[in-house]
Protein backbone atom coordinates (compact mmCIF):
# COMPACT_ATOMS: atom_id res chain seq x y z
CA UNK A 1 -5.29 -12.42 13.43
CA UNK A 2 -6.76 -8.82 13.01
CA UNK A 3 -8.01 -6.43 15.66
CA UNK A 4 -8.77 -2.92 15.25
CA UNK A 5 -7.84 0.90 16.68
CA UNK A 6 -9.50 3.90 17.59
CA UNK A 7 -12.48 2.90 14.81
CA UNK A 8 -14.87 5.57 13.69
CA UNK A 9 -18.80 5.42 14.00
CA UNK A 10 -19.73 4.11 10.78
CA UNK A 11 -23.01 6.14 9.44
CA UNK A 12 -24.21 6.14 6.27
CA UNK A 13 -20.90 6.86 3.78
CA UNK A 14 -21.31 9.64 1.84
CA UNK A 15 -17.64 9.77 0.71
CA UNK A 16 -15.47 6.67 -1.32
CA UNK A 17 -13.97 4.66 0.83
CA UNK A 18 -10.02 2.96 0.12
CA UNK A 19 -8.44 0.63 2.17
CA UNK A 20 -4.76 0.78 2.77
CA UNK A 21 -2.03 -1.30 3.69
CA UNK A 22 0.82 -1.69 5.69
CA UNK A 23 0.35 1.71 7.38
CA UNK A 24 2.17 1.12 10.52
CA UNK A 25 4.75 4.09 11.05
CA UNK A 26 3.51 8.12 10.79
CA UNK A 27 6.94 9.12 8.37
CA UNK A 28 6.01 5.78 6.42
CA UNK A 29 4.48 5.95 2.32
CA UNK A 30 1.22 4.05 3.35
CA UNK A 31 0.66 7.09 6.28
CA UNK A 32 1.55 9.90 3.44
CA UNK A 33 -1.14 8.08 1.03
CA UNK A 34 -3.69 7.93 3.54
CA UNK A 35 -3.64 11.43 4.66
CA UNK A 36 -3.58 12.42 0.83
CA UNK A 37 -6.61 10.42 0.45
CA UNK A 38 -8.33 12.02 3.45
CA UNK A 39 -7.58 15.44 2.10
CA UNK A 40 -8.88 14.41 -0.90
CA UNK A 41 -12.46 13.26 0.16
CA UNK A 42 -12.19 9.61 1.13
CA UNK A 43 -12.52 7.38 4.00
CA UNK A 44 -9.60 5.34 5.16
CA UNK A 45 -9.48 1.95 6.40
CA UNK A 46 -5.63 1.08 6.70
CA UNK A 47 -4.46 -1.79 7.96
CA UNK A 48 -0.67 -2.20 10.19
CA UNK A 49 1.09 -4.93 11.79
CA UNK A 50 3.20 -4.01 14.52
CA UNK A 51 5.19 -7.28 15.36
CA UNK A 52 6.84 -6.92 11.84
CA UNK A 53 8.15 -3.10 12.72
CA UNK A 54 9.05 -4.61 16.46
CA UNK A 55 11.58 -6.72 14.68
CA UNK A 56 12.85 -4.05 12.02
CA UNK A 57 15.91 -1.95 12.83
CA UNK A 58 13.56 1.01 13.51
CA UNK A 59 11.43 -0.70 15.53
CA UNK A 60 7.65 -0.30 16.51
CA UNK A 61 6.21 3.10 17.39
CA UNK A 62 4.06 3.11 20.01
CA UNK A 63 0.28 4.70 19.36
CA UNK A 64 1.02 5.35 15.68
CA UNK A 65 -1.93 3.73 14.04
CA UNK A 66 -4.13 5.30 16.65
CA UNK A 67 -2.41 8.83 15.96
CA UNK A 68 -2.49 8.05 12.11
CA UNK A 69 -6.23 7.52 12.34
CA UNK A 70 -6.69 10.51 14.33
CA UNK A 71 -4.76 12.91 12.02
CA UNK A 72 -7.11 11.27 9.28
CA UNK A 73 -10.25 11.67 11.08
CA UNK A 74 -9.35 15.61 11.77
CA UNK A 75 -8.82 15.45 7.80
CA UNK A 76 -12.75 15.00 8.01
CA UNK A 77 -12.59 11.40 7.14
CA UNK A 78 -14.19 7.69 8.82
CA UNK A 79 -11.30 6.00 9.68
CA UNK A 80 -11.04 2.28 11.01
CA UNK A 81 -7.66 0.51 11.69
CA UNK A 82 -6.97 -3.10 11.67
CA UNK A 83 -4.34 -4.63 12.62
CA UNK A 84 -3.29 -7.62 10.10
CA UNK A 85 -0.70 -10.94 10.03
CA UNK A 86 -0.59 -10.68 6.40
CA UNK A 87 0.78 -13.87 6.23
CA UNK A 88 -2.37 -15.65 7.36
CA UNK A 89 -3.99 -16.68 4.15
CA UNK A 90 -7.70 -15.79 6.06
CA UNK A 91 -6.57 -12.34 6.88
CA UNK A 92 -7.52 -11.11 3.45
CA UNK A 93 -11.22 -11.70 3.55
CA UNK A 94 -11.16 -10.39 7.55
CA UNK A 95 -9.79 -6.90 6.59
CA UNK A 96 -12.36 -6.62 4.18
CA UNK A 97 -15.18 -7.92 6.09
CA UNK A 98 -14.28 -5.38 8.73
CA UNK A 99 -13.12 -1.86 6.70
CA UNK A 100 -16.89 -3.06 5.27
CA UNK A 101 -18.51 -2.93 8.39
CA UNK A 102 -16.76 -0.35 10.48
CA UNK A 103 -17.24 2.06 7.89
CA UNK A 104 -20.41 1.16 5.95
CA UNK A 105 -20.16 0.17 2.37
CA UNK A 106 -17.51 -1.11 0.19
CA UNK A 107 -14.37 -0.39 -0.94
CA UNK A 108 -13.84 1.96 -3.99
CA UNK A 109 -9.82 2.04 -3.60
CA UNK A 110 -7.27 -0.65 -2.70
CA UNK A 111 -3.71 0.52 -2.63
CA UNK A 112 -0.96 -1.75 -1.33
CA UNK A 113 1.67 -0.34 0.05
CA UNK A 114 2.21 -3.11 3.20
CA UNK A 115 6.05 -5.07 2.58
CA UNK A 116 8.39 -7.82 3.87
CA UNK A 117 11.27 -6.58 3.08
CA UNK A 118 14.77 -8.05 4.95
CA UNK A 119 18.11 -7.73 2.84
CA UNK A 120 19.62 -11.02 2.11
CA UNK A 121 21.17 -11.96 -0.80
CA UNK A 122 21.51 -15.68 -3.48
CA UNK A 123 23.59 -17.02 -0.91
CA UNK A 124 22.44 -16.02 2.24
CA UNK A 125 18.31 -16.25 2.02
CA UNK A 126 16.74 -18.52 4.09
CA UNK A 127 14.01 -20.72 2.66
CA UNK A 128 12.05 -19.24 5.78
CA UNK A 129 12.76 -15.67 5.01
CA UNK A 130 11.83 -16.41 1.09
CA UNK A 131 8.13 -17.82 1.43
CA UNK A 132 8.05 -14.75 4.07
CA UNK A 133 8.47 -12.52 1.30
CA UNK A 134 6.12 -14.28 -1.12
CA UNK A 135 3.08 -15.03 1.43
CA UNK A 136 3.18 -10.85 2.52
CA UNK A 137 4.27 -9.48 -0.87
CA UNK A 138 3.07 -11.40 -3.25
CA UNK A 139 0.17 -13.97 -1.95
CA UNK A 140 -1.40 -11.78 -0.03
CA UNK A 141 -1.52 -8.88 -2.70
CA UNK A 142 -3.49 -11.64 -5.09
CA UNK A 143 -5.78 -12.30 -2.05
CA UNK A 144 -6.78 -8.82 -1.41
CA UNK A 145 -7.27 -7.67 -5.09
CA UNK A 146 -9.16 -11.23 -5.92
CA UNK A 147 -11.39 -9.89 -2.40
CA UNK A 148 -11.72 -7.08 -4.08
CA UNK A 149 -12.87 -7.99 -7.00
CA UNK A 150 -15.10 -10.67 -6.24
CA UNK A 151 -16.85 -7.91 -3.78
CA UNK A 152 -16.51 -4.27 -5.90
CA UNK A 153 -19.92 -3.22 -7.70
CA UNK A 154 -19.93 -0.41 -9.45
CA UNK A 155 -22.30 0.67 -12.24
CA UNK A 156 -21.79 -0.79 -15.98
CA UNK A 157 -19.67 1.63 -18.25
CA UNK A 158 -17.87 3.46 -16.06
CA UNK A 159 -14.44 2.76 -14.52
CA UNK A 160 -14.80 3.76 -10.96
CA UNK A 161 -12.33 1.00 -9.08
CA UNK A 162 -8.74 1.69 -8.07
CA UNK A 163 -6.18 -0.75 -7.61
CA UNK A 164 -2.71 0.71 -6.70
CA UNK A 165 0.42 -1.19 -5.37
CA UNK A 166 3.64 -0.13 -4.71
CA UNK A 167 6.96 -1.83 -5.90
CA UNK A 168 10.29 -1.61 -6.27
CA UNK A 169 13.03 -2.67 -8.41
CA UNK A 170 15.40 -4.25 -5.73
CA UNK A 171 17.29 -7.26 -6.96
CA UNK A 172 20.94 -7.47 -5.70
CA UNK A 173 21.79 -8.08 -2.49
CA UNK A 174 17.34 -7.68 -1.90
CA UNK A 175 16.37 -11.08 -3.69
CA UNK A 176 13.82 -12.26 -1.84
CA UNK A 177 11.86 -8.43 -1.54
CA UNK A 178 12.72 -7.94 -5.07
CA UNK A 179 11.41 -10.93 -6.71
CA UNK A 180 8.24 -11.08 -4.10
CA UNK A 181 7.81 -7.39 -6.05
CA UNK A 182 8.74 -8.49 -9.65
CA UNK A 183 5.38 -11.44 -9.08
CA UNK A 184 3.50 -8.52 -7.44
CA UNK A 185 4.14 -6.58 -10.47
CA UNK A 186 2.17 -9.07 -12.46
CA UNK A 187 -0.43 -9.65 -10.05
CA UNK A 188 -1.70 -6.26 -10.04
CA UNK A 189 -0.96 -5.61 -14.15
CA UNK A 190 -3.61 -9.47 -14.84
CA UNK A 191 -6.10 -7.29 -12.52
CA UNK A 192 -6.52 -4.07 -15.08
CA UNK A 193 -7.13 -6.76 -18.00
CA UNK A 194 -9.00 -9.13 -15.53
CA UNK A 195 -11.19 -7.28 -13.80
CA UNK A 196 -11.94 -4.33 -16.38
CA UNK A 197 -15.84 -5.41 -17.03
CA UNK A 198 -16.05 -4.08 -13.58
CA UNK A 199 -14.74 -0.73 -13.92
CA UNK A 200 -11.27 -0.75 -12.25
CA UNK A 201 -8.20 -0.28 -13.22
CA UNK A 202 -5.09 -1.33 -12.11
CA UNK A 203 -1.48 0.44 -11.86
CA UNK A 204 1.78 -0.43 -9.74
CA UNK A 205 4.03 2.41 -8.80
CA UNK A 206 7.33 2.15 -8.55
CA UNK A 207 8.49 5.29 -5.89
CA UNK A 208 11.71 5.76 -5.99
CA UNK A 209 14.62 5.93 -3.16
CA UNK A 210 12.37 7.43 -0.29
CA UNK A 211 14.12 7.52 3.15
CA UNK A 212 11.62 6.40 5.84
CA UNK A 213 14.19 5.97 8.14
CA UNK A 214 16.21 2.68 6.96
CA UNK A 215 18.42 4.38 4.83
CA UNK A 216 22.22 4.67 6.17
CA UNK A 217 23.92 7.90 5.98
CA UNK A 218 25.86 6.60 3.23
CA UNK A 219 23.42 5.11 1.47
CA UNK A 220 21.32 8.65 1.63
CA UNK A 221 23.95 10.67 0.07
CA UNK A 222 24.95 7.91 -2.79
CA UNK A 223 21.50 8.53 -3.91
CA UNK A 224 21.19 11.90 -3.61
CA UNK A 225 23.84 12.07 -6.04
CA UNK A 226 22.17 9.86 -8.73
CA UNK A 227 19.11 11.85 -8.64
CA UNK A 228 19.15 14.65 -11.22
CA UNK A 229 16.40 16.58 -8.88
CA UNK A 230 19.07 16.28 -6.24
CA UNK A 231 17.41 14.54 -3.36
CA UNK A 232 14.94 11.74 -2.55
CA UNK A 233 11.59 10.78 -2.60
CA UNK A 234 8.80 11.96 0.28
CA UNK A 235 6.10 9.73 1.07
CA UNK A 236 4.31 13.14 -0.19
CA UNK A 237 5.39 12.24 -3.38
CA UNK A 238 3.93 9.10 -3.87
CA UNK A 239 0.61 9.94 -1.89
CA UNK A 240 0.06 12.67 -4.97
CA UNK A 241 0.51 10.54 -7.90
CA UNK A 242 -1.52 7.60 -5.86
CA UNK A 243 -3.95 10.47 -5.35
CA UNK A 244 -4.39 11.27 -9.08
CA UNK A 245 -4.68 7.79 -9.89
CA UNK A 246 -7.45 7.16 -7.79
CA UNK A 247 -8.90 10.31 -9.06
CA UNK A 248 -11.82 10.48 -11.86
CA UNK A 249 -8.81 12.43 -14.22
CA UNK A 250 -6.44 8.93 -13.53
CA UNK A 251 -9.13 6.08 -14.78
CA UNK A 252 -7.26 6.60 -18.49
CA UNK A 253 -4.47 5.43 -17.20
CA UNK A 254 -4.43 1.77 -16.74
CA UNK A 255 -1.62 -1.64 -16.55
CA UNK A 256 0.67 0.58 -16.42
CA UNK A 257 4.44 -0.29 -13.74
CA UNK A 258 5.14 4.19 -13.19
CA UNK A 259 7.98 5.04 -12.31
CA UNK A 260 8.17 8.49 -9.74
CA UNK A 261 11.53 8.44 -8.96
CA UNK A 262 12.69 12.30 -9.73
CA UNK A 263 14.84 9.90 -12.57
CA UNK A 264 17.05 8.57 -9.96
CA UNK A 265 19.09 6.74 -12.11
CA UNK A 266 19.38 2.46 -11.45
């Protein structure tokens, strides 16, 4: 199911369009990326899924989608917010339909920052949780990339299309999340080769330890101690890298898994 919140009018586009998934919280990485791309001259469609935030420790942020959309509009971007349940295999096509209809043009950059992430290990992960993680983190990402590849129309001989996926190296005590993110890595890196003839680059970014409200005090302190720069990452750190990868200057970087983590120890 998809619904829209605070869409903007759709005159003929003069800016490229980015579709960013997982922009449900104003302090999240997805929101940081949306702000950066809007400031860099992109129009932005973004997805969110309130029921996921509602069942997590941090809870849902009332009015977040409308607030983020307003920020992007103030930065000069046309924008639309799309509530999408990515466990539904039909959702990716509907998301693209909505983005194109509301913003009046094709998607040039696809940024995958959505995630299902519930801590559990080898012995206590349920089949339901395992399947949900793979449905959201792996299957939906594949379907979004596939939909992008089916619709993208670039200029021959130019690398104008962009796919950037956010990943994680978590495994211990975080089995379904880490395993499904590993599958996402392979799907995205395959796109770097299989969609190259369309003029599309595809890369994976590991943003390292970014506290968006999910860390305990003890974990935060331990991660800071293990990072040479002596601080945690911020959504802006990730956003600057994604912005570069989506820019014309970033077109030579393709098929890579990039760590943007301040040198954090494994």
